[in-house]
């Protein structure tokens, strides 16, 4: 779901429609250290 909606979440954060930190997926870096899908998600969200 997050990968599918990443562009929309990023744009909503950019426009101030949601809190900026809501579009950054806090804690994702810890997951990335362990999961290949999380790496894909992080790259999709532009947080690499």
PDB file of N, CA and C in Angstrom:
ATOM      1  N   UNK A   1       0.817  -1.181   0.000  1.00  0.00           N
ATOM      2  CA  UNK A   1       0.000   0.000   0.000  1.00  0.00           C
ATOM      3  C   UNK A   1       0.865   1.251   0.000  1.00  0.00           C
ATOM      4  N   UNK A   2       1.906   1.247   0.810  1.00  0.00           N
ATOM      5  CA  UNK A   2       2.746   2.439   0.900  1.00  0.00           C
ATOM      6  C   UNK A   2       3.445   2.729  -0.424  1.00  0.00           C
ATOM      7  N   UNK A   3       3.914   1.678  -1.099  1.00  0.00           N
ATOM      8  CA  UNK A   3       4.574   1.889  -2.393  1.00  0.00           C
ATOM      9  C   UNK A   3       3.567   2.453  -3.396  1.00  0.00           C
ATOM     10  N   UNK A   4       2.362   1.920  -3.391  1.00  0.00           N
ATOM     11  CA  UNK A   4       1.321   2.392  -4.306  1.00  0.00           C
ATOM     12  C   UNK A   4       0.981   3.856  -4.059  1.00  0.00           C
ATOM     13  N   UNK A   5       0.999   4.286  -2.811  1.00  0.00           N
ATOM     14  CA  UNK A   5       0.587   5.648  -2.449  1.00  0.00           C
ATOM     15  C   UNK A   5       1.740   6.599  -2.176  1.00  0.00           C
ATOM     16  N   UNK A   6       2.964   6.168  -2.388  1.00  0.00           N
ATOM     17  CA  UNK A   6       4.132   6.985  -2.044  1.00  0.00           C
ATOM     18  C   UNK A   6       4.111   8.361  -2.707  1.00  0.00           C
ATOM     19  N   UNK A   7       3.805   8.405  -3.991  1.00  0.00           N
ATOM     20  CA  UNK A   7       3.786   9.695  -4.694  1.00  0.00           C
ATOM     21  C   UNK A   7       2.758  10.643  -4.094  1.00  0.00           C
ATOM     22  N   UNK A   8       1.594  10.099  -3.769  1.00  0.00           N
ATOM     23  CA  UNK A   8       0.535  10.927  -3.188  1.00  0.00           C
ATOM     24  C   UNK A   8       0.923  11.426  -1.788  1.00  0.00           C
ATOM     25  N   UNK A   9       1.523  10.555  -1.000  1.00  0.00           N
ATOM     26  CA  UNK A   9       1.950  10.953   0.342  1.00  0.00           C
ATOM     27  C   UNK A   9       3.035  12.016   0.288  1.00  0.00           C
ATOM     28  N   UNK A  10       4.000  11.830  -0.616  1.00  0.00           N
ATOM     29  CA  UNK A  10       5.074  12.819  -0.764  1.00  0.00           C
ATOM     30  C   UNK A  10       4.498  14.178  -1.155  1.00  0.00           C
ATOM     31  N   UNK A  11       3.578  14.175  -2.110  1.00  0.00           N
ATOM     32  CA  UNK A  11       2.969  15.418  -2.569  1.00  0.00           C
ATOM     33  C   UNK A  11       2.134  16.067  -1.467  1.00  0.00           C
ATOM     34  N   UNK A  12       1.384  15.273  -0.721  1.00  0.00           N
ATOM     35  CA  UNK A  12       0.592  15.818   0.384  1.00  0.00           C
ATOM     36  C   UNK A  12       1.500  16.453   1.433  1.00  0.00           C
ATOM     37  N   UNK A  13       2.640  15.833   1.708  1.00  0.00           N
ATOM     38  CA  UNK A  13       3.603  16.415   2.636  1.00  0.00           C
ATOM     39  C   UNK A  13       4.176  17.713   2.105  1.00  0.00           C
ATOM     40  N   UNK A  14       4.491  17.712   0.813  1.00  0.00           N
ATOM     41  CA  UNK A  14       5.058  18.919   0.188  1.00  0.00           C
ATOM     42  C   UNK A  14       4.065  20.077   0.249  1.00  0.00           C
ATOM     43  N   UNK A  15       2.796  19.779   0.060  1.00  0.00           N
ATOM     44  CA  UNK A  15       1.763  20.821   0.067  1.00  0.00           C
ATOM     45  C   UNK A  15       1.302  21.201   1.468  1.00  0.00           C
ATOM     46  N   UNK A  16       1.778  20.489   2.476  1.00  0.00           N
ATOM     47  CA  UNK A  16       1.376  20.786   3.841  1.00  0.00           C
ATOM     48  C   UNK A  16       0.007  20.237   4.206  1.00  0.00           C
ATOM     49  N   UNK A  17      -0.495  19.299   3.414  1.00  0.00           N
ATOM     50  CA  UNK A  17      -1.802  18.711   3.693  1.00  0.00           C
ATOM     51  C   UNK A  17      -1.738  17.674   4.802  1.00  0.00           C
ATOM     52  N   UNK A  18      -0.571  17.119   5.026  1.00  0.00           N
ATOM     53  CA  UNK A  18      -0.309  16.202   6.134  1.00  0.00           C
ATOM     54  C   UNK A  18       0.985  16.674   6.789  1.00  0.00           C
ATOM     55  N   UNK A  19       1.208  16.339   8.046  1.00  0.00           N
ATOM     56  CA  UNK A  19       2.467  16.744   8.681  1.00  0.00           C
ATOM     57  C   UNK A  19       3.659  16.226   7.880  1.00  0.00           C
ATOM     58  N   UNK A  20       4.684  17.043   7.750  1.00  0.00           N
ATOM     59  CA  UNK A  20       5.854  16.677   6.952  1.00  0.00           C
ATOM     60  C   UNK A  20       6.433  15.339   7.374  1.00  0.00           C
ATOM     61  N   UNK A  21       6.493  15.067   8.670  1.00  0.00           N
ATOM     62  CA  UNK A  21       7.089  13.805   9.117  1.00  0.00           C
ATOM     63  C   UNK A  21       6.201  12.603   8.779  1.00  0.00           C
ATOM     64  N   UNK A  22       4.917  12.817   8.514  1.00  0.00           N
ATOM     65  CA  UNK A  22       4.042  11.711   8.120  1.00  0.00           C
ATOM     66  C   UNK A  22       4.405  11.188   6.737  1.00  0.00           C
ATOM     67  N   UNK A  23       4.988  12.032   5.905  1.00  0.00           N
ATOM     68  CA  UNK A  23       5.387  11.627   4.560  1.00  0.00           C
ATOM     69  C   UNK A  23       6.788  11.033   4.535  1.00  0.00           C
ATOM     70  N   UNK A  24       7.485  11.050   5.663  1.00  0.00           N
ATOM     71  CA  UNK A  24       8.859  10.537   5.685  1.00  0.00           C
ATOM     72  C   UNK A  24       8.964   9.136   6.259  1.00  0.00           C
ATOM     73  N   UNK A  25       7.875   8.595   6.767  1.00  0.00           N
ATOM     74  CA  UNK A  25       7.855   7.233   7.311  1.00  0.00           C
ATOM     75  C   UNK A  25       8.939   7.032   8.360  1.00  0.00           C
ATOM     76  N   UNK A  26       8.847   7.720   9.505  1.00  0.00           N
ATOM     77  CA  UNK A  26       9.845   7.554  10.563  1.00  0.00           C
ATOM     78  C   UNK A  26      10.015   6.078  10.933  1.00  0.00           C
ATOM     79  N   UNK A  27      11.234   5.667  11.189  1.00  0.00           N
ATOM     80  CA  UNK A  27      11.519   4.290  11.566  1.00  0.00           C
ATOM     81  C   UNK A  27      11.798   3.374  10.396  1.00  0.00           C
ATOM     82  N   UNK A  28      11.590   3.862   9.182  1.00  0.00           N
ATOM     83  CA  UNK A  28      11.796   3.017   8.011  1.00  0.00           C
ATOM     84  C   UNK A  28      13.245   2.577   7.874  1.00  0.00           C
ATOM     85  N   UNK A  29      14.180   3.423   8.276  1.00  0.00           N
ATOM     86  CA  UNK A  29      15.596   3.056   8.162  1.00  0.00           C
ATOM     87  C   UNK A  29      15.930   1.797   8.957  1.00  0.00           C
ATOM     88  N   UNK A  30      15.318   1.619  10.128  1.00  0.00           N
ATOM     89  CA  UNK A  30      15.572   0.406  10.917  1.00  0.00           C
ATOM     90  C   UNK A  30      15.035  -0.828  10.202  1.00  0.00           C
ATOM     91  N   UNK A  31      13.906  -0.685   9.545  1.00  0.00           N
ATOM     92  CA  UNK A  31      13.333  -1.811   8.809  1.00  0.00           C
ATOM     93  C   UNK A  31      14.191  -2.136   7.587  1.00  0.00           C
ATOM     94  N   UNK A  32      14.675  -1.102   6.925  1.00  0.00           N
ATOM     95  CA  UNK A  32      15.485  -1.289   5.718  1.00  0.00           C
ATOM     96  C   UNK A  32      16.709  -2.155   5.998  1.00  0.00           C
ATOM     97  N   UNK A  33      17.243  -2.030   7.165  1.00  0.00           N
ATOM     98  CA  UNK A  33      18.425  -2.824   7.511  1.00  0.00           C
ATOM     99  C   UNK A  33      18.116  -4.317   7.470  1.00  0.00           C
ATOM    100  N   UNK A  34      16.843  -4.686   7.507  1.00  0.00           N
ATOM    101  CA  UNK A  34      16.459  -6.103   7.576  1.00  0.00           C
ATOM    102  C   UNK A  34      15.603  -6.604   6.430  1.00  0.00           C
ATOM    103  N   UNK A  35      14.970  -5.743   5.674  1.00  0.00           N
ATOM    104  CA  UNK A  35      13.980  -6.211   4.700  1.00  0.00           C
ATOM    105  C   UNK A  35      14.187  -5.611   3.313  1.00  0.00           C
ATOM    106  N   UNK A  36      14.211  -6.458   2.298  1.00  0.00           N
ATOM    107  CA  UNK A  36      14.380  -6.004   0.916  1.00  0.00           C
ATOM    108  C   UNK A  36      13.192  -5.154   0.454  1.00  0.00           C
ATOM    109  N   UNK A  37      11.975  -5.515   0.837  1.00  0.00           N
ATOM    110  CA  UNK A  37      10.801  -4.724   0.429  1.00  0.00           C
ATOM    111  C   UNK A  37      10.863  -3.328   1.020  1.00  0.00           C
ATOM    112  N   UNK A  38      11.360  -3.218   2.231  1.00  0.00           N
ATOM    113  CA  UNK A  38      11.469  -1.903   2.844  1.00  0.00           C
ATOM    114  C   UNK A  38      12.473  -1.048   2.077  1.00  0.00           C
ATOM    115  N   UNK A  39      13.521  -1.660   1.561  1.00  0.00           N
ATOM    116  CA  UNK A  39      14.479  -0.908   0.741  1.00  0.00           C
ATOM    117  C   UNK A  39      13.783  -0.352  -0.500  1.00  0.00           C
ATOM    118  N   UNK A  40      12.942  -1.163  -1.117  1.00  0.00           N
ATOM    119  CA  UNK A  40      12.186  -0.711  -2.279  1.00  0.00           C
ATOM    120  C   UNK A  40      11.267   0.447  -1.904  1.00  0.00           C
ATOM    121  N   UNK A  41      10.589   0.308  -0.775  1.00  0.00           N
ATOM    122  CA  UNK A  41       9.704   1.360  -0.298  1.00  0.00           C
ATOM    123  C   UNK A  41      10.475   2.640  -0.039  1.00  0.00           C
ATOM    124  N   UNK A  42      11.599   2.523   0.636  1.00  0.00           N
ATOM    125  CA  UNK A  42      12.389   3.711   0.953  1.00  0.00           C
ATOM    126  C   UNK A  42      12.852   4.413  -0.319  1.00  0.00           C
ATOM    127  N   UNK A  43      13.283   3.653  -1.309  1.00  0.00           N
ATOM    128  CA  UNK A  43      13.702   4.249  -2.571  1.00  0.00           C
ATOM    129  C   UNK A  43      12.516   4.920  -3.266  1.00  0.00           C
ATOM    130  N   UNK A  44      11.361   4.288  -3.227  1.00  0.00           N
ATOM    131  CA  UNK A  44      10.165   4.845  -3.829  1.00  0.00           C
ATOM    132  C   UNK A  44       9.770   6.159  -3.161  1.00  0.00           C
ATOM    133  N   UNK A  45       9.933   6.221  -1.868  1.00  0.00           N
ATOM    134  CA  UNK A  45       9.605   7.433  -1.120  1.00  0.00           C
ATOM    135  C   UNK A  45      10.692   8.501  -1.232  1.00  0.00           C
ATOM    136  N   UNK A  46      11.783   8.156  -1.912  1.00  0.00           N
ATOM    137  CA  UNK A  46      12.864   9.117  -2.106  1.00  0.00           C
ATOM    138  C   UNK A  46      13.704   9.326  -0.871  1.00  0.00           C
ATOM    139  N   UNK A  47      13.807   8.310  -0.026  1.00  0.00           N
ATOM    140  CA  UNK A  47      14.559   8.433   1.224  1.00  0.00           C
ATOM    141  C   UNK A  47      15.731   7.463   1.230  1.00  0.00           C
ATOM    142  N   UNK A  48      16.592   7.595   0.271  1.00  0.00           N
ATOM    143  CA  UNK A  48      17.745   6.689   0.237  1.00  0.00           C
ATOM    144  C   UNK A  48      19.025   7.438   0.413  1.00  0.00           C
TER     145      UNK A  48
END
